[in-house]
Amino acid sequence: MIDADILEEERKAGICDPQNVAYPMLAHKMRARRENIRVSVAILERRLEKQSTEWPRAA
């Protein structure tokens, strides 16, 4: 969903290069949000993997 929103903002502005000074601020913020979500998911997945290897398995 965030990807689609970013693409829509870029389409409206006619600019898809985040390095362009005219790149939409909302798209910048959504890109940062998307990256934060990806990092959070990766951290949580690592925690889950670690916990699942530490928990004793039921027989």
PDB file of N, CA and C in Angstrom:
ATOM      1  N   MET A   1       0.814  -1.179   0.000  1.00  0.00           N
ATOM      2  CA  MET A   1       0.000   0.000   0.000  1.00  0.00           C
ATOM      3  C   MET A   1       0.872   1.262   0.000  1.00  0.00           C
ATOM      4  N   ILE A   2       1.902   1.223   0.811  1.00  0.00           N
ATOM      5  CA  ILE A   2       2.793   2.392   0.851  1.00  0.00           C
ATOM      6  C   ILE A   2       3.469   2.583  -0.504  1.00  0.00           C
ATOM      7  N   ASP A   3       3.887   1.479  -1.127  1.00  0.00           N
ATOM      8  CA  ASP A   3       4.515   1.575  -2.446  1.00  0.00           C
ATOM      9  C   ASP A   3       3.584   2.257  -3.441  1.00  0.00           C
ATOM     10  N   ALA A   4       2.310   1.865  -3.433  1.00  0.00           N
ATOM     11  CA  ALA A   4       1.335   2.460  -4.348  1.00  0.00           C
ATOM     12  C   ALA A   4       1.149   3.942  -4.057  1.00  0.00           C
ATOM     13  N   ASP A   5       1.145   4.305  -2.785  1.00  0.00           N
ATOM     14  CA  ASP A   5       0.999   5.716  -2.411  1.00  0.00           C
ATOM     15  C   ASP A   5       2.202   6.538  -2.864  1.00  0.00           C
ATOM     16  N   ILE A   6       3.375   5.964  -2.724  1.00  0.00           N
ATOM     17  CA  ILE A   6       4.595   6.656  -3.175  1.00  0.00           C
ATOM     18  C   ILE A   6       4.536   6.871  -4.680  1.00  0.00           C
ATOM     19  N   LEU A   7       4.187   5.814  -5.402  1.00  0.00           N
ATOM     20  CA  LEU A   7       4.094   5.923  -6.860  1.00  0.00           C
ATOM     21  C   LEU A   7       3.060   6.971  -7.272  1.00  0.00           C
ATOM     22  N   GLU A   8       1.959   7.035  -6.563  1.00  0.00           N
ATOM     23  CA  GLU A   8       0.924   8.027  -6.871  1.00  0.00           C
ATOM     24  C   GLU A   8       1.442   9.454  -6.653  1.00  0.00           C
ATOM     25  N   GLU A   9       2.148   9.676  -5.558  1.00  0.00           N
ATOM     26  CA  GLU A   9       2.711  11.003  -5.310  1.00  0.00           C
ATOM     27  C   GLU A   9       3.735  11.371  -6.388  1.00  0.00           C
ATOM     28  N   GLU A  10       4.562  10.406  -6.761  1.00  0.00           N
ATOM     29  CA  GLU A  10       5.539  10.652  -7.824  1.00  0.00           C
ATOM     30  C   GLU A  10       4.847  10.941  -9.147  1.00  0.00           C
ATOM     31  N   ARG A  11       3.776  10.217  -9.427  1.00  0.00           N
ATOM     32  CA  ARG A  11       3.040  10.423 -10.670  1.00  0.00           C
ATOM     33  C   ARG A  11       2.441  11.829 -10.704  1.00  0.00           C
ATOM     34  N   LYS A  12       1.839  12.228  -9.580  1.00  0.00           N
ATOM     35  CA  LYS A  12       1.232  13.560  -9.518  1.00  0.00           C
ATOM     36  C   LYS A  12       2.269  14.658  -9.740  1.00  0.00           C
ATOM     37  N   ALA A  13       3.450  14.474  -9.155  1.00  0.00           N
ATOM     38  CA  ALA A  13       4.505  15.483  -9.266  1.00  0.00           C
ATOM     39  C   ALA A  13       5.262  15.377 -10.586  1.00  0.00           C
ATOM     40  N   GLY A  14       5.190  14.205 -11.208  1.00  0.00           N
ATOM     41  CA  GLY A  14       5.958  13.992 -12.429  1.00  0.00           C
ATOM     42  C   GLY A  14       7.441  13.829 -12.152  1.00  0.00           C
ATOM     43  N   ILE A  15       7.775  13.485 -10.904  1.00  0.00           N
ATOM     44  CA  ILE A  15       9.180  13.329 -10.491  1.00  0.00           C
ATOM     45  C   ILE A  15       9.302  12.042  -9.697  1.00  0.00           C
ATOM     46  N   CYS A  16      10.220  11.179 -10.128  1.00  0.00           N
ATOM     47  CA  CYS A  16      10.402   9.919  -9.407  1.00  0.00           C
ATOM     48  C   CYS A  16      11.814   9.774  -8.839  1.00  0.00           C
ATOM     49  N   ASP A  17      12.603  10.814  -8.940  1.00  0.00           N
ATOM     50  CA  ASP A  17      13.973  10.799  -8.423  1.00  0.00           C
ATOM     51  C   ASP A  17      14.009  11.479  -7.053  1.00  0.00           C
ATOM     52  N   PRO A  18      14.210  10.697  -5.981  1.00  0.00           N
ATOM     53  CA  PRO A  18      14.229  11.294  -4.640  1.00  0.00           C
ATOM     54  C   PRO A  18      15.336  12.335  -4.444  1.00  0.00           C
ATOM     55  N   GLN A  19      16.333  12.335  -5.314  1.00  0.00           N
ATOM     56  CA  GLN A  19      17.418  13.312  -5.199  1.00  0.00           C
ATOM     57  C   GLN A  19      17.040  14.666  -5.796  1.00  0.00           C
ATOM     58  N   ASN A  20      15.958  14.698  -6.566  1.00  0.00           N
ATOM     59  CA  ASN A  20      15.492  15.937  -7.176  1.00  0.00           C
ATOM     60  C   ASN A  20      14.925  16.844  -6.082  1.00  0.00           C
ATOM     61  N   VAL A  21      15.314  18.118  -6.086  1.00  0.00           N
ATOM     62  CA  VAL A  21      14.861  19.031  -5.041  1.00  0.00           C
ATOM     63  C   VAL A  21      13.349  19.250  -5.070  1.00  0.00           C
ATOM     64  N   ALA A  22      12.726  18.977  -6.196  1.00  0.00           N
ATOM     65  CA  ALA A  22      11.283  19.154  -6.325  1.00  0.00           C
ATOM     66  C   ALA A  22      10.512  17.870  -5.997  1.00  0.00           C
ATOM     67  N   TYR A  23      11.221  16.834  -5.577  1.00  0.00           N
ATOM     68  CA  TYR A  23      10.563  15.574  -5.228  1.00  0.00           C
ATOM     69  C   TYR A  23       9.584  15.833  -4.082  1.00  0.00           C
ATOM     70  N   PRO A  24       8.389  15.250  -4.166  1.00  0.00           N
ATOM     71  CA  PRO A  24       7.369  15.540  -3.144  1.00  0.00           C
ATOM     72  C   PRO A  24       7.798  15.145  -1.726  1.00  0.00           C
ATOM     73  N   MET A  25       7.592  16.055  -0.793  1.00  0.00           N
ATOM     74  CA  MET A  25       7.945  15.814   0.604  1.00  0.00           C
ATOM     75  C   MET A  25       7.174  14.621   1.162  1.00  0.00           C
ATOM     76  N   LEU A  26       5.897  14.497   0.781  1.00  0.00           N
ATOM     77  CA  LEU A  26       5.095  13.375   1.264  1.00  0.00           C
ATOM     78  C   LEU A  26       5.703  12.046   0.813  1.00  0.00           C
ATOM     79  N   ALA A  27       6.177  11.984  -0.417  1.00  0.00           N
ATOM     80  CA  ALA A  27       6.805  10.759  -0.915  1.00  0.00           C
ATOM     81  C   ALA A  27       8.087  10.461  -0.134  1.00  0.00           C
ATOM     82  N   HIS A  28       8.853  11.494   0.200  1.00  0.00           N
ATOM     83  CA  HIS A  28      10.056  11.308   1.029  1.00  0.00           C
ATOM     84  C   HIS A  28       9.677  10.692   2.372  1.00  0.00           C
ATOM     85  N   LYS A  29       8.643  11.246   2.973  1.00  0.00           N
ATOM     86  CA  LYS A  29       8.214  10.757   4.288  1.00  0.00           C
ATOM     87  C   LYS A  29       7.698   9.323   4.200  1.00  0.00           C
ATOM     88  N   MET A  30       6.978   9.013   3.131  1.00  0.00           N
ATOM     89  CA  MET A  30       6.473   7.643   2.971  1.00  0.00           C
ATOM     90  C   MET A  30       7.616   6.662   2.715  1.00  0.00           C
ATOM     91  N   ARG A  31       8.629   7.096   1.978  1.00  0.00           N
ATOM     92  CA  ARG A  31       9.792   6.228   1.760  1.00  0.00           C
ATOM     93  C   ARG A  31      10.490   5.929   3.090  1.00  0.00           C
ATOM     94  N   ALA A  32      10.645   6.946   3.927  1.00  0.00           N
ATOM     95  CA  ALA A  32      11.271   6.752   5.237  1.00  0.00           C
ATOM     96  C   ALA A  32      10.419   5.818   6.093  1.00  0.00           C
ATOM     97  N   ARG A  33       9.118   6.015   6.059  1.00  0.00           N
ATOM     98  CA  ARG A  33       8.206   5.158   6.825  1.00  0.00           C
ATOM     99  C   ARG A  33       8.312   3.715   6.365  1.00  0.00           C
ATOM    100  N   ARG A  34       8.347   3.518   5.041  1.00  0.00           N
ATOM    101  CA  ARG A  34       8.472   2.171   4.482  1.00  0.00           C
ATOM    102  C   ARG A  34       9.756   1.503   4.950  1.00  0.00           C
ATOM    103  N   GLU A  35      10.842   2.243   4.946  1.00  0.00           N
ATOM    104  CA  GLU A  35      12.119   1.679   5.396  1.00  0.00           C
ATOM    105  C   GLU A  35      12.073   1.336   6.881  1.00  0.00           C
ATOM    106  N   ASN A  36      11.466   2.204   7.686  1.00  0.00           N
ATOM    107  CA  ASN A  36      11.329   1.929   9.118  1.00  0.00           C
ATOM    108  C   ASN A  36      10.518   0.664   9.357  1.00  0.00           C
ATOM    109  N   ILE A  37       9.463   0.484   8.593  1.00  0.00           N
ATOM    110  CA  ILE A  37       8.641  -0.723   8.726  1.00  0.00           C
ATOM    111  C   ILE A  37       9.454  -1.956   8.356  1.00  0.00           C
ATOM    112  N   ARG A  38      10.209  -1.876   7.275  1.00  0.00           N
ATOM    113  CA  ARG A  38      11.043  -3.018   6.862  1.00  0.00           C
ATOM    114  C   ARG A  38      12.063  -3.383   7.940  1.00  0.00           C
ATOM    115  N   VAL A  39      12.685  -2.374   8.524  1.00  0.00           N
ATOM    116  CA  VAL A  39      13.670  -2.618   9.578  1.00  0.00           C
ATOM    117  C   VAL A  39      12.993  -3.245  10.792  1.00  0.00           C
ATOM    118  N   SER A  40      11.844  -2.722  11.173  1.00  0.00           N
ATOM    119  CA  SER A  40      11.111  -3.260  12.323  1.00  0.00           C
ATOM    120  C   SER A  40      10.720  -4.713  12.100  1.00  0.00           C
ATOM    121  N   VAL A  41      10.240  -5.027  10.919  1.00  0.00           N
ATOM    122  CA  VAL A  41       9.857  -6.402  10.600  1.00  0.00           C
ATOM    123  C   VAL A  41      11.068  -7.322  10.688  1.00  0.00           C
ATOM    124  N   ALA A  42      12.194  -6.888  10.152  1.00  0.00           N
ATOM    125  CA  ALA A  42      13.408  -7.711  10.194  1.00  0.00           C
ATOM    126  C   ALA A  42      13.845  -7.962  11.633  1.00  0.00           C
ATOM    127  N   ILE A  43      13.792  -6.940  12.463  1.00  0.00           N
ATOM    128  CA  ILE A  43      14.168  -7.090  13.873  1.00  0.00           C
ATOM    129  C   ILE A  43      13.238  -8.083  14.561  1.00  0.00           C
ATOM    130  N   LEU A  44      11.936  -7.929  14.348  1.00  0.00           N
ATOM    131  CA  LEU A  44      10.971  -8.822  14.977  1.00  0.00           C
ATOM    132  C   LEU A  44      11.120 -10.263  14.486  1.00  0.00           C
ATOM    133  N   GLU A  45      11.411 -10.433  13.207  1.00  0.00           N
ATOM    134  CA  GLU A  45      11.622 -11.787  12.677  1.00  0.00           C
ATOM    135  C   GLU A  45      12.837 -12.440  13.323  1.00  0.00           C
ATOM    136  N   ARG A  46      13.915 -11.675  13.506  1.00  0.00           N
ATOM    137  CA  ARG A  46      15.111 -12.225  14.159  1.00  0.00           C
ATOM    138  C   ARG A  46      14.808 -12.609  15.606  1.00  0.00           C
ATOM    139  N   ARG A  47      14.048 -11.766  16.294  1.00  0.00           N
ATOM    140  CA  ARG A  47      13.674 -12.086  17.676  1.00  0.00           C
ATOM    141  C   ARG A  47      12.841 -13.366  17.733  1.00  0.00           C
ATOM    142  N   LEU A  48      11.908 -13.492  16.819  1.00  0.00           N
ATOM    143  CA  LEU A  48      11.053 -14.666  16.787  1.00  0.00           C
ATOM    144  C   LEU A  48      11.862 -15.927  16.501  1.00  0.00           C
ATOM    145  N   GLU A  49      12.791 -15.839  15.544  1.00  0.00           N
ATOM    146  CA  GLU A  49      13.649 -16.983  15.247  1.00  0.00           C
ATOM    147  C   GLU A  49      14.479 -17.368  16.458  1.00  0.00           C
ATOM    148  N   LYS A  50      15.018 -16.376  17.139  1.00  0.00           N
ATOM    149  CA  LYS A  50      15.846 -16.637  18.315  1.00  0.00           C
ATOM    150  C   LYS A  50      15.014 -17.293  19.413  1.00  0.00           C
ATOM    151  N   GLN A  51      13.813 -16.779  19.646  1.00  0.00           N
ATOM    152  CA  GLN A  51      12.958 -17.351  20.680  1.00  0.00           C
ATOM    153  C   GLN A  51      12.538 -18.772  20.333  1.00  0.00           C
ATOM    154  N   SER A  52      12.235 -19.012  19.071  1.00  0.00           N
ATOM    155  CA  SER A  52      11.764 -20.347  18.695  1.00  0.00           C
ATOM    156  C   SER A  52      12.874 -21.386  18.837  1.00  0.00           C
ATOM    157  N   THR A  53      14.120 -20.970  18.701  1.00  0.00           N
ATOM    158  CA  THR A  53      15.221 -21.932  18.887  1.00  0.00           C
ATOM    159  C   THR A  53      15.545 -22.127  20.362  1.00  0.00           C
ATOM    160  N   GLU A  54      15.176 -21.164  21.197  1.00  0.00           N
ATOM    161  CA  GLU A  54      15.461 -21.264  22.634  1.00  0.00           C
ATOM    162  C   GLU A  54      14.359 -21.994  23.389  1.00  0.00           C
ATOM    163  N   TRP A  55      13.137 -21.983  22.891  1.00  0.00           N
ATOM    164  CA  TRP A  55      12.025 -22.620  23.575  1.00  0.00           C
ATOM    165  C   TRP A  55      12.144 -24.138  23.471  1.00  0.00           C
ATOM    166  N   PRO A  56      11.884 -24.838  24.563  1.00  0.00           N
ATOM    167  CA  PRO A  56      11.880 -26.309  24.467  1.00  0.00           C
ATOM    168  C   PRO A  56      10.681 -26.773  23.642  1.00  0.00           C
ATOM    169  N   ARG A  57      10.902 -27.766  22.848  1.00  0.00           N
ATOM    170  CA  ARG A  57       9.828 -28.298  22.008  1.00  0.00           C
ATOM    171  C   ARG A  57       9.002 -29.321  22.765  1.00  0.00           C
ATOM    172  N   ALA A  58       7.705 -29.256  22.554  1.00  0.00           N
ATOM    173  CA  ALA A  58       6.809 -30.228  23.201  1.00  0.00           C
ATOM    174  C   ALA A  58       6.954 -31.569  22.501  1.00  0.00           C
ATOM    175  N   ALA A  59       6.887 -32.640  23.275  1.00  0.00           N
ATOM    176  CA  ALA A  59       7.054 -33.979  22.709  1.00  0.00           C
ATOM    177  C   ALA A  59       5.783 -34.500  22.113  1.00  0.00           C
TER     178      ALA A  59
END
